Amino acid sequence: MRDTYHEDLDALGGRLVEMTRLARHAIARATTALLDADLSAAQEVISGDEAINLLDDEIERSAFDLMARQQPVAQDLRVIITALHMGGDLERMGDHAVHLAKVARRRHPDSAIPPELRSTVLEMGHQAELLVIKAGEVISNRDADTALELDSDDDRMDKLRRKLLKRILDPSWSHGVEATMDVTLVGRFYERFGDHAVHVADNLVYMVTGEKPKDYEPEA
């Protein structure tokens, strides 16, 4: 019985890692949809979000079942509770990829991103992928020390968003209201995607150490 219990606990981590894989694919395809006005990529992201939602539902059902049947305490309870939080963050990361895809779909057959901002948005897409890849690695390895790095990794995303905003506020901006709204939303969705990756990492630190990230000191 206890072997099955621990297999069920491990399965929570496996589902979370799979969610990071799906979220990475979603954000990569959403970036393609934005930059290339690729309608099929946008539709792929939108329809593919159901798989992320289903995994989040599975984590929730499994977590509540484990709490009801096993009455876990201490570290096992932390694993279950933080898995619920991480699943929620990863589900919202998928939602933000969907929001980006819908911006692309709304502007098709044109690109929602003006030419001078394409390189910045491409870099935001790459940064989002790096963040979710790292989130998957720290979940898989239960690596609290590496998890702490995501907060500083996310600083790059914040700088890129500020770069977008600086450009659309410049007096020389000439792309009109629709493009201004699109770029503003795109920057926000990428930023929030990164924020949720940081939340995942913060919860991993608590899962492994029982301490909040601000209180945890990595070993020298």
N, C-alpha and C. Protein backbone atom coordinates (compact mmCIF):
# COMPACT_ATOMS: atom_id res chain seq x y z
N MET A 1 0.83 -1.21 0.00
CA MET A 1 0.00 0.00 0.00
C MET A 1 0.86 1.26 0.00
N ARG A 2 1.94 1.25 0.85
CA ARG A 2 2.78 2.44 0.91
C ARG A 2 3.56 2.63 -0.39
N ASP A 3 3.94 1.50 -1.04
CA ASP A 3 4.63 1.62 -2.32
C ASP A 3 3.73 2.33 -3.33
N THR A 4 2.45 1.95 -3.35
CA THR A 4 1.50 2.59 -4.26
C THR A 4 1.35 4.06 -3.92
N TYR A 5 1.33 4.36 -2.64
CA TYR A 5 1.20 5.75 -2.18
C TYR A 5 2.35 6.60 -2.72
N HIS A 6 3.57 6.10 -2.58
CA HIS A 6 4.72 6.88 -3.04
C HIS A 6 4.79 6.93 -4.56
N GLU A 7 4.31 5.90 -5.22
CA GLU A 7 4.20 5.97 -6.68
C GLU A 7 3.23 7.07 -7.09
N ASP A 8 2.13 7.19 -6.35
CA ASP A 8 1.15 8.24 -6.65
C ASP A 8 1.75 9.62 -6.41
N LEU A 9 2.57 9.77 -5.36
CA LEU A 9 3.24 11.04 -5.12
C LEU A 9 4.20 11.38 -6.26
N ASP A 10 4.96 10.38 -6.69
CA ASP A 10 5.90 10.59 -7.79
C ASP A 10 5.17 10.96 -9.08
N ALA A 11 3.98 10.38 -9.25
CA ALA A 11 3.20 10.65 -10.46
C ALA A 11 2.79 12.12 -10.54
N LEU A 12 2.60 12.75 -9.39
CA LEU A 12 2.29 14.18 -9.40
C LEU A 12 3.42 14.96 -10.06
N GLY A 13 4.65 14.63 -9.69
CA GLY A 13 5.80 15.30 -10.29
C GLY A 13 5.89 15.03 -11.78
N GLY A 14 5.59 13.80 -12.18
CA GLY A 14 5.63 13.47 -13.59
C GLY A 14 4.64 14.26 -14.41
N ARG A 15 3.46 14.46 -13.86
CA ARG A 15 2.44 15.25 -14.57
C ARG A 15 2.87 16.72 -14.66
N LEU A 16 3.49 17.22 -13.60
CA LEU A 16 3.96 18.61 -13.63
C LEU A 16 5.04 18.80 -14.69
N VAL A 17 5.96 17.86 -14.78
CA VAL A 17 7.01 17.95 -15.80
C VAL A 17 6.39 17.92 -17.20
N GLU A 18 5.39 17.07 -17.40
CA GLU A 18 4.71 17.02 -18.69
C GLU A 18 4.01 18.35 -18.99
N MET A 19 3.45 18.98 -17.98
CA MET A 19 2.83 20.29 -18.18
C MET A 19 3.86 21.32 -18.62
N THR A 20 5.06 21.27 -18.06
CA THR A 20 6.10 22.21 -18.50
C THR A 20 6.47 21.96 -19.96
N ARG A 21 6.49 20.70 -20.37
CA ARG A 21 6.80 20.38 -21.77
C ARG A 21 5.73 20.95 -22.70
N LEU A 22 4.48 20.78 -22.32
CA LEU A 22 3.38 21.29 -23.14
C LEU A 22 3.37 22.83 -23.15
N ALA A 23 3.66 23.43 -22.01
CA ALA A 23 3.70 24.89 -21.94
C ALA A 23 4.82 25.45 -22.80
N ARG A 24 5.96 24.76 -22.82
CA ARG A 24 7.05 25.20 -23.68
C ARG A 24 6.63 25.15 -25.15
N HIS A 25 6.02 24.06 -25.55
CA HIS A 25 5.57 23.94 -26.94
C HIS A 25 4.56 25.04 -27.27
N ALA A 26 3.66 25.29 -26.33
CA ALA A 26 2.63 26.30 -26.57
C ALA A 26 3.23 27.68 -26.75
N ILE A 27 4.18 28.05 -25.90
CA ILE A 27 4.73 29.41 -26.00
C ILE A 27 5.60 29.54 -27.26
N ALA A 28 6.28 28.47 -27.65
CA ALA A 28 7.07 28.51 -28.87
C ALA A 28 6.17 28.69 -30.10
N ARG A 29 5.07 27.96 -30.15
CA ARG A 29 4.16 28.05 -31.29
C ARG A 29 3.41 29.39 -31.28
N ALA A 30 3.12 29.90 -30.10
CA ALA A 30 2.47 31.21 -30.02
C ALA A 30 3.38 32.31 -30.55
N THR A 31 4.67 32.19 -30.26
CA THR A 31 5.63 33.17 -30.78
C THR A 31 5.70 33.09 -32.30
N THR A 32 5.71 31.88 -32.81
CA THR A 32 5.68 31.70 -34.27
C THR A 32 4.43 32.32 -34.87
N ALA A 33 3.30 32.08 -34.24
CA ALA A 33 2.03 32.63 -34.73
C ALA A 33 2.09 34.15 -34.80
N LEU A 34 2.65 34.77 -33.76
CA LEU A 34 2.74 36.23 -33.72
C LEU A 34 3.65 36.79 -34.80
N LEU A 35 4.82 36.22 -34.93
CA LEU A 35 5.83 36.80 -35.81
C LEU A 35 5.59 36.46 -37.27
N ASP A 36 5.02 35.30 -37.53
CA ASP A 36 4.84 34.85 -38.92
C ASP A 36 3.39 34.95 -39.39
N ALA A 37 2.52 35.51 -38.56
CA ALA A 37 1.09 35.54 -38.89
C ALA A 37 0.62 34.15 -39.29
N ASP A 38 1.03 33.16 -38.49
CA ASP A 38 0.79 31.75 -38.80
C ASP A 38 -0.51 31.31 -38.11
N LEU A 39 -1.58 31.25 -38.89
CA LEU A 39 -2.89 30.92 -38.33
C LEU A 39 -2.94 29.49 -37.82
N SER A 40 -2.29 28.56 -38.52
CA SER A 40 -2.33 27.17 -38.07
C SER A 40 -1.60 27.01 -36.74
N ALA A 41 -0.50 27.75 -36.55
CA ALA A 41 0.20 27.70 -35.26
C ALA A 41 -0.67 28.26 -34.15
N ALA A 42 -1.37 29.35 -34.44
CA ALA A 42 -2.27 29.94 -33.44
C ALA A 42 -3.36 28.95 -33.04
N GLN A 43 -3.96 28.30 -34.03
CA GLN A 43 -5.03 27.34 -33.74
C GLN A 43 -4.49 26.15 -32.96
N GLU A 44 -3.26 25.74 -33.27
CA GLU A 44 -2.64 24.63 -32.54
C GLU A 44 -2.50 24.95 -31.06
N VAL A 45 -2.07 26.17 -30.76
CA VAL A 45 -1.92 26.58 -29.36
C VAL A 45 -3.27 26.59 -28.65
N ILE A 46 -4.27 27.15 -29.32
CA ILE A 46 -5.60 27.29 -28.71
C ILE A 46 -6.22 25.93 -28.44
N SER A 47 -6.18 25.05 -29.42
CA SER A 47 -6.78 23.72 -29.23
C SER A 47 -5.94 22.86 -28.29
N GLY A 48 -4.61 23.06 -28.30
CA GLY A 48 -3.73 22.25 -27.46
C GLY A 48 -3.81 22.57 -25.99
N ASP A 49 -4.42 23.69 -25.64
CA ASP A 49 -4.51 24.07 -24.23
C ASP A 49 -5.33 23.07 -23.42
N GLU A 50 -6.20 22.34 -24.08
CA GLU A 50 -7.03 21.37 -23.37
C GLU A 50 -6.17 20.29 -22.70
N ALA A 51 -5.07 19.92 -23.34
CA ALA A 51 -4.19 18.90 -22.75
C ALA A 51 -3.57 19.39 -21.45
N ILE A 52 -3.19 20.66 -21.40
CA ILE A 52 -2.64 21.22 -20.17
C ILE A 52 -3.71 21.26 -19.09
N ASN A 53 -4.91 21.67 -19.47
CA ASN A 53 -6.01 21.73 -18.50
C ASN A 53 -6.33 20.36 -17.93
N LEU A 54 -6.30 19.34 -18.77
CA LEU A 54 -6.61 17.98 -18.32
C LEU A 54 -5.57 17.49 -17.31
N LEU A 55 -4.30 17.80 -17.57
CA LEU A 55 -3.26 17.41 -16.61
C LEU A 55 -3.45 18.13 -15.28
N ASP A 56 -3.80 19.40 -15.33
CA ASP A 56 -4.06 20.14 -14.09
C ASP A 56 -5.22 19.51 -13.33
N ASP A 57 -6.26 19.10 -14.05
CA ASP A 57 -7.40 18.44 -13.41
C ASP A 57 -6.97 17.11 -12.79
N GLU A 58 -6.11 16.37 -13.48
CA GLU A 58 -5.63 15.09 -12.94
C GLU A 58 -4.84 15.30 -11.66
N ILE A 59 -3.99 16.33 -11.65
CA ILE A 59 -3.21 16.62 -10.44
C ILE A 59 -4.14 16.96 -9.29
N GLU A 60 -5.15 17.77 -9.56
CA GLU A 60 -6.09 18.15 -8.51
C GLU A 60 -6.83 16.95 -7.96
N ARG A 61 -7.34 16.10 -8.83
CA ARG A 61 -8.08 14.91 -8.38
C ARG A 61 -7.17 13.99 -7.58
N SER A 62 -5.96 13.77 -8.08
CA SER A 62 -5.03 12.87 -7.40
C SER A 62 -4.62 13.43 -6.04
N ALA A 63 -4.38 14.74 -5.98
CA ALA A 63 -3.97 15.36 -4.71
C ALA A 63 -5.06 15.22 -3.66
N PHE A 64 -6.28 15.52 -4.02
CA PHE A 64 -7.37 15.42 -3.05
C PHE A 64 -7.63 13.97 -2.65
N ASP A 65 -7.45 13.06 -3.60
CA ASP A 65 -7.62 11.63 -3.29
C ASP A 65 -6.55 11.17 -2.30
N LEU A 66 -5.31 11.59 -2.52
CA LEU A 66 -4.23 11.21 -1.60
C LEU A 66 -4.46 11.77 -0.21
N MET A 67 -4.93 13.01 -0.13
CA MET A 67 -5.19 13.59 1.18
C MET A 67 -6.33 12.89 1.89
N ALA A 68 -7.33 12.47 1.13
CA ALA A 68 -8.47 11.80 1.74
C ALA A 68 -8.13 10.39 2.18
N ARG A 69 -7.34 9.67 1.38
CA ARG A 69 -7.08 8.26 1.68
C ARG A 69 -5.90 8.07 2.62
N GLN A 70 -4.87 8.90 2.49
CA GLN A 70 -3.61 8.65 3.19
C GLN A 70 -3.35 9.58 4.36
N GLN A 71 -4.08 10.68 4.44
CA GLN A 71 -3.87 11.67 5.49
C GLN A 71 -2.37 11.98 5.68
N PRO A 72 -1.72 12.45 4.63
CA PRO A 72 -0.27 12.67 4.69
C PRO A 72 0.10 13.80 5.65
N VAL A 73 1.30 13.72 6.18
CA VAL A 73 1.81 14.76 7.08
C VAL A 73 3.19 15.18 6.60
N ALA A 74 3.66 16.29 7.19
CA ALA A 74 5.02 16.79 6.99
C ALA A 74 5.37 16.92 5.51
N GLN A 75 6.49 16.31 5.08
CA GLN A 75 6.99 16.55 3.74
C GLN A 75 6.02 16.05 2.67
N ASP A 76 5.38 14.90 2.90
CA ASP A 76 4.44 14.39 1.91
C ASP A 76 3.28 15.37 1.69
N LEU A 77 2.81 15.99 2.75
CA LEU A 77 1.73 16.96 2.61
C LEU A 77 2.22 18.18 1.84
N ARG A 78 3.46 18.60 2.07
CA ARG A 78 4.02 19.71 1.31
C ARG A 78 4.09 19.38 -0.18
N VAL A 79 4.47 18.15 -0.49
CA VAL A 79 4.53 17.74 -1.89
C VAL A 79 3.17 17.89 -2.55
N ILE A 80 2.14 17.44 -1.87
CA ILE A 80 0.79 17.46 -2.44
C ILE A 80 0.29 18.89 -2.60
N ILE A 81 0.44 19.69 -1.56
CA ILE A 81 -0.07 21.07 -1.61
C ILE A 81 0.68 21.89 -2.65
N THR A 82 2.00 21.76 -2.69
CA THR A 82 2.76 22.55 -3.66
C THR A 82 2.50 22.06 -5.09
N ALA A 83 2.24 20.77 -5.26
CA ALA A 83 1.89 20.27 -6.59
C ALA A 83 0.61 20.94 -7.09
N LEU A 84 -0.34 21.12 -6.20
CA LEU A 84 -1.57 21.82 -6.57
C LEU A 84 -1.27 23.24 -7.03
N HIS A 85 -0.42 23.94 -6.28
CA HIS A 85 -0.08 25.32 -6.64
C HIS A 85 0.68 25.36 -7.97
N MET A 86 1.64 24.46 -8.13
CA MET A 86 2.43 24.46 -9.36
C MET A 86 1.57 24.11 -10.57
N GLY A 87 0.66 23.16 -10.40
CA GLY A 87 -0.25 22.84 -11.49
C GLY A 87 -1.07 24.05 -11.91
N GLY A 88 -1.53 24.81 -10.93
CA GLY A 88 -2.30 26.02 -11.24
C GLY A 88 -1.47 27.03 -12.01
N ASP A 89 -0.21 27.22 -11.60
CA ASP A 89 0.65 28.17 -12.31
C ASP A 89 0.93 27.71 -13.74
N LEU A 90 1.19 26.43 -13.92
CA LEU A 90 1.47 25.92 -15.26
C LEU A 90 0.23 25.99 -16.15
N GLU A 91 -0.92 25.78 -15.56
CA GLU A 91 -2.16 25.91 -16.34
C GLU A 91 -2.33 27.34 -16.82
N ARG A 92 -1.99 28.31 -15.97
CA ARG A 92 -2.11 29.71 -16.37
C ARG A 92 -1.04 30.10 -17.39
N MET A 93 0.12 29.45 -17.33
CA MET A 93 1.12 29.68 -18.38
C MET A 93 0.57 29.26 -19.74
N GLY A 94 -0.12 28.13 -19.76
CA GLY A 94 -0.78 27.72 -21.00
C GLY A 94 -1.81 28.73 -21.45
N ASP A 95 -2.54 29.30 -20.51
CA ASP A 95 -3.55 30.32 -20.85
C ASP A 95 -2.90 31.54 -21.49
N HIS A 96 -1.74 31.95 -20.97
CA HIS A 96 -1.07 33.13 -21.53
C HIS A 96 -0.57 32.85 -22.95
N ALA A 97 -0.12 31.62 -23.20
CA ALA A 97 0.24 31.26 -24.57
C ALA A 97 -0.99 31.35 -25.48
N VAL A 98 -2.14 30.92 -24.98
CA VAL A 98 -3.38 31.02 -25.75
C VAL A 98 -3.72 32.48 -26.04
N HIS A 99 -3.55 33.34 -25.04
CA HIS A 99 -3.84 34.77 -25.25
C HIS A 99 -2.97 35.33 -26.37
N LEU A 100 -1.69 34.94 -26.38
CA LEU A 100 -0.79 35.39 -27.44
C LEU A 100 -1.27 34.88 -28.81
N ALA A 101 -1.67 33.62 -28.84
CA ALA A 101 -2.14 33.04 -30.09
C ALA A 101 -3.39 33.75 -30.60
N LYS A 102 -4.24 34.16 -29.67
CA LYS A 102 -5.47 34.86 -30.08
C LYS A 102 -5.17 36.26 -30.62
N VAL A 103 -4.13 36.90 -30.10
CA VAL A 103 -3.71 38.19 -30.68
C VAL A 103 -3.28 37.95 -32.13
N ALA A 104 -2.48 36.89 -32.33
CA ALA A 104 -2.02 36.58 -33.69
C ALA A 104 -3.20 36.27 -34.61
N ARG A 105 -4.15 35.49 -34.11
CA ARG A 105 -5.31 35.11 -34.93
C ARG A 105 -6.17 36.32 -35.28
N ARG A 106 -6.29 37.24 -34.35
CA ARG A 106 -7.12 38.41 -34.57
C ARG A 106 -6.56 39.30 -35.68
N ARG A 107 -5.23 39.34 -35.83
CA ARG A 107 -4.60 40.21 -36.82
C ARG A 107 -4.31 39.49 -38.14
N HIS A 108 -4.51 38.20 -38.19
CA HIS A 108 -4.26 37.47 -39.43
C HIS A 108 -5.11 38.05 -40.58
N PRO A 109 -4.56 38.22 -41.78
CA PRO A 109 -3.28 37.68 -42.29
C PRO A 109 -2.07 38.58 -42.04
N ASP A 110 -2.26 39.69 -41.32
CA ASP A 110 -1.12 40.55 -40.99
C ASP A 110 -0.46 40.06 -39.70
N SER A 111 0.78 40.44 -39.49
CA SER A 111 1.45 40.17 -38.24
C SER A 111 1.06 41.23 -37.21
N ALA A 112 0.85 40.80 -35.97
CA ALA A 112 0.49 41.74 -34.91
C ALA A 112 1.70 42.54 -34.43
N ILE A 113 2.89 42.15 -34.86
CA ILE A 113 4.12 42.77 -34.35
C ILE A 113 4.77 43.62 -35.43
N PRO A 114 4.90 44.93 -35.21
CA PRO A 114 5.58 45.80 -36.18
C PRO A 114 7.03 45.34 -36.40
N PRO A 115 7.56 45.58 -37.58
CA PRO A 115 8.90 45.07 -37.93
C PRO A 115 9.99 45.43 -36.92
N GLU A 116 9.97 46.65 -36.40
CA GLU A 116 11.07 47.06 -35.52
C GLU A 116 11.03 46.40 -34.14
N LEU A 117 9.93 45.71 -33.83
CA LEU A 117 9.82 45.02 -32.54
C LEU A 117 9.91 43.50 -32.66
N ARG A 118 10.09 43.00 -33.87
CA ARG A 118 10.11 41.55 -34.06
C ARG A 118 11.25 40.89 -33.28
N SER A 119 12.44 41.49 -33.30
CA SER A 119 13.57 40.86 -32.60
C SER A 119 13.34 40.83 -31.09
N THR A 120 12.69 41.86 -30.56
CA THR A 120 12.42 41.89 -29.12
C THR A 120 11.41 40.82 -28.74
N VAL A 121 10.35 40.69 -29.53
CA VAL A 121 9.34 39.67 -29.24
C VAL A 121 9.92 38.27 -29.41
N LEU A 122 10.76 38.08 -30.42
CA LEU A 122 11.43 36.79 -30.59
C LEU A 122 12.26 36.45 -29.35
N GLU A 123 12.97 37.45 -28.84
CA GLU A 123 13.78 37.21 -27.64
C GLU A 123 12.90 36.91 -26.43
N MET A 124 11.75 37.57 -26.33
CA MET A 124 10.83 37.26 -25.23
C MET A 124 10.33 35.82 -25.33
N GLY A 125 10.06 35.38 -26.56
CA GLY A 125 9.64 33.99 -26.74
C GLY A 125 10.72 33.02 -26.31
N HIS A 126 11.96 33.31 -26.70
CA HIS A 126 13.07 32.44 -26.30
C HIS A 126 13.26 32.44 -24.78
N GLN A 127 13.14 33.60 -24.17
CA GLN A 127 13.30 33.70 -22.73
C GLN A 127 12.20 32.93 -22.01
N ALA A 128 10.99 33.00 -22.55
CA ALA A 128 9.88 32.25 -21.95
C ALA A 128 10.16 30.75 -22.02
N GLU A 129 10.67 30.30 -23.15
CA GLU A 129 11.01 28.87 -23.27
C GLU A 129 12.09 28.47 -22.27
N LEU A 130 13.11 29.30 -22.13
CA LEU A 130 14.18 28.98 -21.18
C LEU A 130 13.65 28.88 -19.75
N LEU A 131 12.74 29.78 -19.40
CA LEU A 131 12.19 29.77 -18.05
C LEU A 131 11.38 28.49 -17.78
N VAL A 132 10.56 28.09 -18.73
CA VAL A 132 9.73 26.91 -18.49
C VAL A 132 10.56 25.63 -18.58
N ILE A 133 11.60 25.62 -19.41
CA ILE A 133 12.50 24.47 -19.42
C ILE A 133 13.16 24.31 -18.06
N LYS A 134 13.64 25.41 -17.52
CA LYS A 134 14.31 25.37 -16.21
C LYS A 134 13.34 24.96 -15.12
N ALA A 135 12.09 25.44 -15.21
CA ALA A 135 11.08 25.04 -14.23
C ALA A 135 10.88 23.52 -14.27
N GLY A 136 10.84 22.95 -15.47
CA GLY A 136 10.69 21.51 -15.60
C GLY A 136 11.86 20.76 -15.00
N GLU A 137 13.06 21.29 -15.20
CA GLU A 137 14.26 20.64 -14.67
C GLU A 137 14.28 20.64 -13.15
N VAL A 138 13.90 21.78 -12.55
CA VAL A 138 13.96 21.83 -11.08
C VAL A 138 12.87 20.95 -10.46
N ILE A 139 11.73 20.81 -11.15
CA ILE A 139 10.70 19.89 -10.65
C ILE A 139 11.20 18.45 -10.74
N SER A 140 11.75 18.10 -11.89
CA SER A 140 12.21 16.73 -12.11
C SER A 140 13.31 16.34 -11.13
N ASN A 141 14.23 17.28 -10.87
CA ASN A 141 15.38 16.98 -10.01
C ASN A 141 15.19 17.41 -8.56
N ARG A 142 14.07 18.06 -8.29
CA ARG A 142 13.81 18.62 -6.96
C ARG A 142 15.02 19.44 -6.49
N ASP A 143 15.44 20.33 -7.36
CA ASP A 143 16.68 21.10 -7.18
C ASP A 143 16.33 22.50 -6.69
N ALA A 144 16.35 22.67 -5.37
CA ALA A 144 15.97 23.96 -4.79
C ALA A 144 16.98 25.04 -5.11
N ASP A 145 18.27 24.70 -5.17
CA ASP A 145 19.29 25.72 -5.43
C ASP A 145 19.11 26.32 -6.82
N THR A 146 18.90 25.48 -7.82
CA THR A 146 18.68 25.99 -9.18
C THR A 146 17.35 26.73 -9.27
N ALA A 147 16.36 26.28 -8.52
CA ALA A 147 15.05 26.96 -8.54
C ALA A 147 15.18 28.42 -8.14
N LEU A 148 16.10 28.71 -7.24
CA LEU A 148 16.28 30.09 -6.80
C LEU A 148 16.76 31.00 -7.93
N GLU A 149 17.37 30.42 -8.95
CA GLU A 149 17.92 31.22 -10.05
C GLU A 149 16.83 31.79 -10.94
N LEU A 150 15.63 31.20 -10.92
CA LEU A 150 14.61 31.65 -11.87
C LEU A 150 14.18 33.09 -11.64
N ASP A 151 14.25 33.54 -10.41
CA ASP A 151 13.84 34.92 -10.14
C ASP A 151 14.73 35.90 -10.90
N SER A 152 16.03 35.68 -10.85
CA SER A 152 16.94 36.56 -11.59
C SER A 152 16.85 36.31 -13.09
N ASP A 153 16.60 35.05 -13.48
CA ASP A 153 16.41 34.76 -14.91
C ASP A 153 15.22 35.55 -15.47
N ASP A 154 14.20 35.71 -14.65
CA ASP A 154 12.99 36.42 -15.10
C ASP A 154 13.22 37.92 -15.25
N ASP A 155 14.28 38.44 -14.64
CA ASP A 155 14.57 39.87 -14.78
C ASP A 155 14.76 40.25 -16.25
N ARG A 156 15.31 39.32 -17.03
CA ARG A 156 15.52 39.60 -18.46
C ARG A 156 14.18 39.82 -19.16
N MET A 157 13.18 39.01 -18.79
CA MET A 157 11.85 39.18 -19.40
C MET A 157 11.27 40.54 -19.04
N ASP A 158 11.44 40.94 -17.80
CA ASP A 158 10.91 42.24 -17.37
C ASP A 158 11.58 43.38 -18.15
N LYS A 159 12.88 43.27 -18.39
CA LYS A 159 13.59 44.30 -19.15
C LYS A 159 13.09 44.36 -20.60
N LEU A 160 12.81 43.20 -21.16
CA LEU A 160 12.31 43.18 -22.54
C LEU A 160 10.93 43.80 -22.63
N ARG A 161 10.10 43.56 -21.63
CA ARG A 161 8.78 44.19 -21.65
C ARG A 161 8.90 45.72 -21.56
N ARG A 162 9.81 46.17 -20.71
CA ARG A 162 10.00 47.62 -20.60
C ARG A 162 10.51 48.19 -21.92
N LYS A 163 11.29 47.43 -22.64
CA LYS A 163 11.78 47.86 -23.94
C LYS A 163 10.62 48.04 -24.92
N LEU A 164 9.66 47.12 -24.90
CA LEU A 164 8.47 47.26 -25.74
C LEU A 164 7.69 48.53 -25.39
N LEU A 165 7.47 48.72 -24.10
CA LEU A 165 6.69 49.87 -23.66
C LEU A 165 7.38 51.18 -24.01
N LYS A 166 8.69 51.21 -23.85
CA LYS A 166 9.44 52.43 -24.20
C LYS A 166 9.25 52.76 -25.67
N ARG A 167 9.23 51.72 -26.51
CA ARG A 167 9.10 51.98 -27.96
C ARG A 167 7.73 52.52 -28.31
N ILE A 168 6.66 51.94 -27.73
CA ILE A 168 5.32 52.40 -28.12
C ILE A 168 4.99 53.77 -27.52
N LEU A 169 5.73 54.17 -26.49
CA LEU A 169 5.52 55.49 -25.91
C LEU A 169 6.38 56.57 -26.56
N ASP A 170 7.28 56.14 -27.44
CA ASP A 170 8.15 57.11 -28.11
C ASP A 170 7.32 57.96 -29.07
N PRO A 171 7.58 59.26 -29.16
CA PRO A 171 6.82 60.13 -30.07
C PRO A 171 6.88 59.69 -31.53
N SER A 172 7.91 58.94 -31.89
CA SER A 172 8.05 58.51 -33.29
C SER A 172 7.19 57.29 -33.63
N TRP A 173 6.54 56.71 -32.62
CA TRP A 173 5.68 55.53 -32.85
C TRP A 173 4.53 55.93 -33.78
N SER A 174 4.36 55.16 -34.86
CA SER A 174 3.40 55.58 -35.89
C SER A 174 2.46 54.45 -36.32
N HIS A 175 2.32 53.43 -35.47
CA HIS A 175 1.56 52.24 -35.90
C HIS A 175 0.11 52.23 -35.45
N GLY A 176 -0.33 53.27 -34.78
CA GLY A 176 -1.75 53.38 -34.46
C GLY A 176 -2.17 52.67 -33.19
N VAL A 177 -3.47 52.80 -32.90
CA VAL A 177 -4.01 52.32 -31.64
C VAL A 177 -4.02 50.79 -31.57
N GLU A 178 -4.42 50.13 -32.66
CA GLU A 178 -4.51 48.67 -32.63
C GLU A 178 -3.15 48.04 -32.34
N ALA A 179 -2.13 48.50 -33.02
CA ALA A 179 -0.79 47.95 -32.80
C ALA A 179 -0.31 48.27 -31.39
N THR A 180 -0.64 49.45 -30.90
CA THR A 180 -0.26 49.81 -29.53
C THR A 180 -0.89 48.85 -28.52
N MET A 181 -2.17 48.57 -28.70
CA MET A 181 -2.85 47.63 -27.81
C MET A 181 -2.27 46.23 -27.92
N ASP A 182 -2.02 45.78 -29.15
CA ASP A 182 -1.47 44.45 -29.36
C ASP A 182 -0.12 44.29 -28.67
N VAL A 183 0.77 45.25 -28.89
CA VAL A 183 2.11 45.16 -28.31
C VAL A 183 2.04 45.21 -26.79
N THR A 184 1.18 46.07 -26.26
CA THR A 184 1.02 46.16 -24.80
C THR A 184 0.57 44.82 -24.23
N LEU A 185 -0.42 44.20 -24.86
CA LEU A 185 -0.92 42.91 -24.38
C LEU A 185 0.13 41.82 -24.53
N VAL A 186 0.80 41.79 -25.66
CA VAL A 186 1.82 40.78 -25.89
C VAL A 186 2.90 40.86 -24.81
N GLY A 187 3.37 42.07 -24.52
CA GLY A 187 4.37 42.22 -23.47
C GLY A 187 3.87 41.72 -22.13
N ARG A 188 2.63 42.04 -21.82
CA ARG A 188 2.05 41.61 -20.54
C ARG A 188 1.92 40.09 -20.46
N PHE A 189 1.49 39.45 -21.55
CA PHE A 189 1.30 38.00 -21.52
C PHE A 189 2.63 37.27 -21.36
N TYR A 190 3.67 37.73 -22.06
CA TYR A 190 4.98 37.11 -21.86
C TYR A 190 5.49 37.33 -20.44
N GLU A 191 5.31 38.53 -19.92
CA GLU A 191 5.76 38.82 -18.56
C GLU A 191 5.07 37.91 -17.56
N ARG A 192 3.76 37.74 -17.70
CA ARG A 192 3.02 36.90 -16.76
C ARG A 192 3.42 35.43 -16.91
N PHE A 193 3.69 34.99 -18.12
CA PHE A 193 4.19 33.63 -18.33
C PHE A 193 5.45 33.42 -17.49
N GLY A 194 6.38 34.39 -17.56
CA GLY A 194 7.60 34.29 -16.78
C GLY A 194 7.35 34.33 -15.28
N ASP A 195 6.43 35.18 -14.86
CA ASP A 195 6.11 35.27 -13.43
C ASP A 195 5.62 33.93 -12.88
N HIS A 196 4.79 33.25 -13.65
CA HIS A 196 4.28 31.96 -13.19
C HIS A 196 5.38 30.90 -13.13
N ALA A 197 6.34 30.98 -14.04
CA ALA A 197 7.48 30.07 -13.96
C ALA A 197 8.25 30.28 -12.66
N VAL A 198 8.39 31.55 -12.25
CA VAL A 198 9.05 31.86 -10.98
C VAL A 198 8.23 31.31 -9.81
N HIS A 199 6.90 31.44 -9.88
CA HIS A 199 6.05 30.89 -8.81
C HIS A 199 6.23 29.39 -8.69
N VAL A 200 6.33 28.71 -9.84
CA VAL A 200 6.58 27.26 -9.81
C VAL A 200 7.88 26.96 -9.07
N ALA A 201 8.92 27.69 -9.40
CA ALA A 201 10.21 27.47 -8.76
C ALA A 201 10.15 27.77 -7.26
N ASP A 202 9.46 28.83 -6.88
CA ASP A 202 9.33 29.17 -5.47
C ASP A 202 8.63 28.05 -4.70
N ASN A 203 7.60 27.48 -5.31
CA ASN A 203 6.89 26.38 -4.65
C ASN A 203 7.77 25.14 -4.56
N LEU A 204 8.62 24.94 -5.55
CA LEU A 204 9.54 23.80 -5.49
C LEU A 204 10.51 23.95 -4.31
N VAL A 205 10.99 25.18 -4.10
CA VAL A 205 11.88 25.41 -2.95
C VAL A 205 11.17 25.05 -1.66
N TYR A 206 9.92 25.48 -1.52
CA TYR A 206 9.18 25.16 -0.30
C TYR A 206 8.92 23.67 -0.19
N MET A 207 8.60 23.01 -1.31
CA MET A 207 8.36 21.58 -1.29
C MET A 207 9.57 20.82 -0.73
N VAL A 208 10.75 21.19 -1.21
CA VAL A 208 11.96 20.44 -0.87
C VAL A 208 12.50 20.80 0.50
N THR A 209 12.44 22.09 0.86
CA THR A 209 13.12 22.55 2.07
C THR A 209 12.19 22.87 3.23
N GLY A 210 10.92 23.12 2.94
CA GLY A 210 10.01 23.57 3.98
C GLY A 210 10.19 25.03 4.33
N GLU A 211 11.00 25.75 3.55
CA GLU A 211 11.25 27.16 3.78
C GLU A 211 10.81 27.98 2.57
N LYS A 212 10.41 29.23 2.83
CA LYS A 212 10.13 30.15 1.75
C LYS A 212 11.44 30.51 1.06
N PRO A 213 11.40 30.80 -0.24
CA PRO A 213 12.66 31.10 -0.95
C PRO A 213 13.49 32.19 -0.29
N LYS A 214 12.85 33.22 0.25
CA LYS A 214 13.62 34.32 0.86
C LYS A 214 14.35 33.88 2.13
N ASP A 215 13.91 32.76 2.72
CA ASP A 215 14.52 32.29 3.96
C ASP A 215 15.52 31.17 3.73
N TYR A 216 15.52 30.60 2.51
CA TYR A 216 16.37 29.44 2.26
C TYR A 216 17.76 29.89 1.82
N GLU A 217 18.77 29.32 2.43
CA GLU A 217 20.15 29.61 2.09
C GLU A 217 20.77 28.37 1.44
N PRO A 218 21.15 28.46 0.15
CA PRO A 218 21.78 27.31 -0.51
C PRO A 218 23.08 26.94 0.19
N GLU A 219 23.43 25.67 0.09
CA GLU A 219 24.68 25.22 0.68
C GLU A 219 25.86 25.79 -0.12
N ALA A 220 26.88 26.16 0.58
CA ALA A 220 28.07 26.72 -0.08
C ALA A 220 28.83 25.63 -0.85
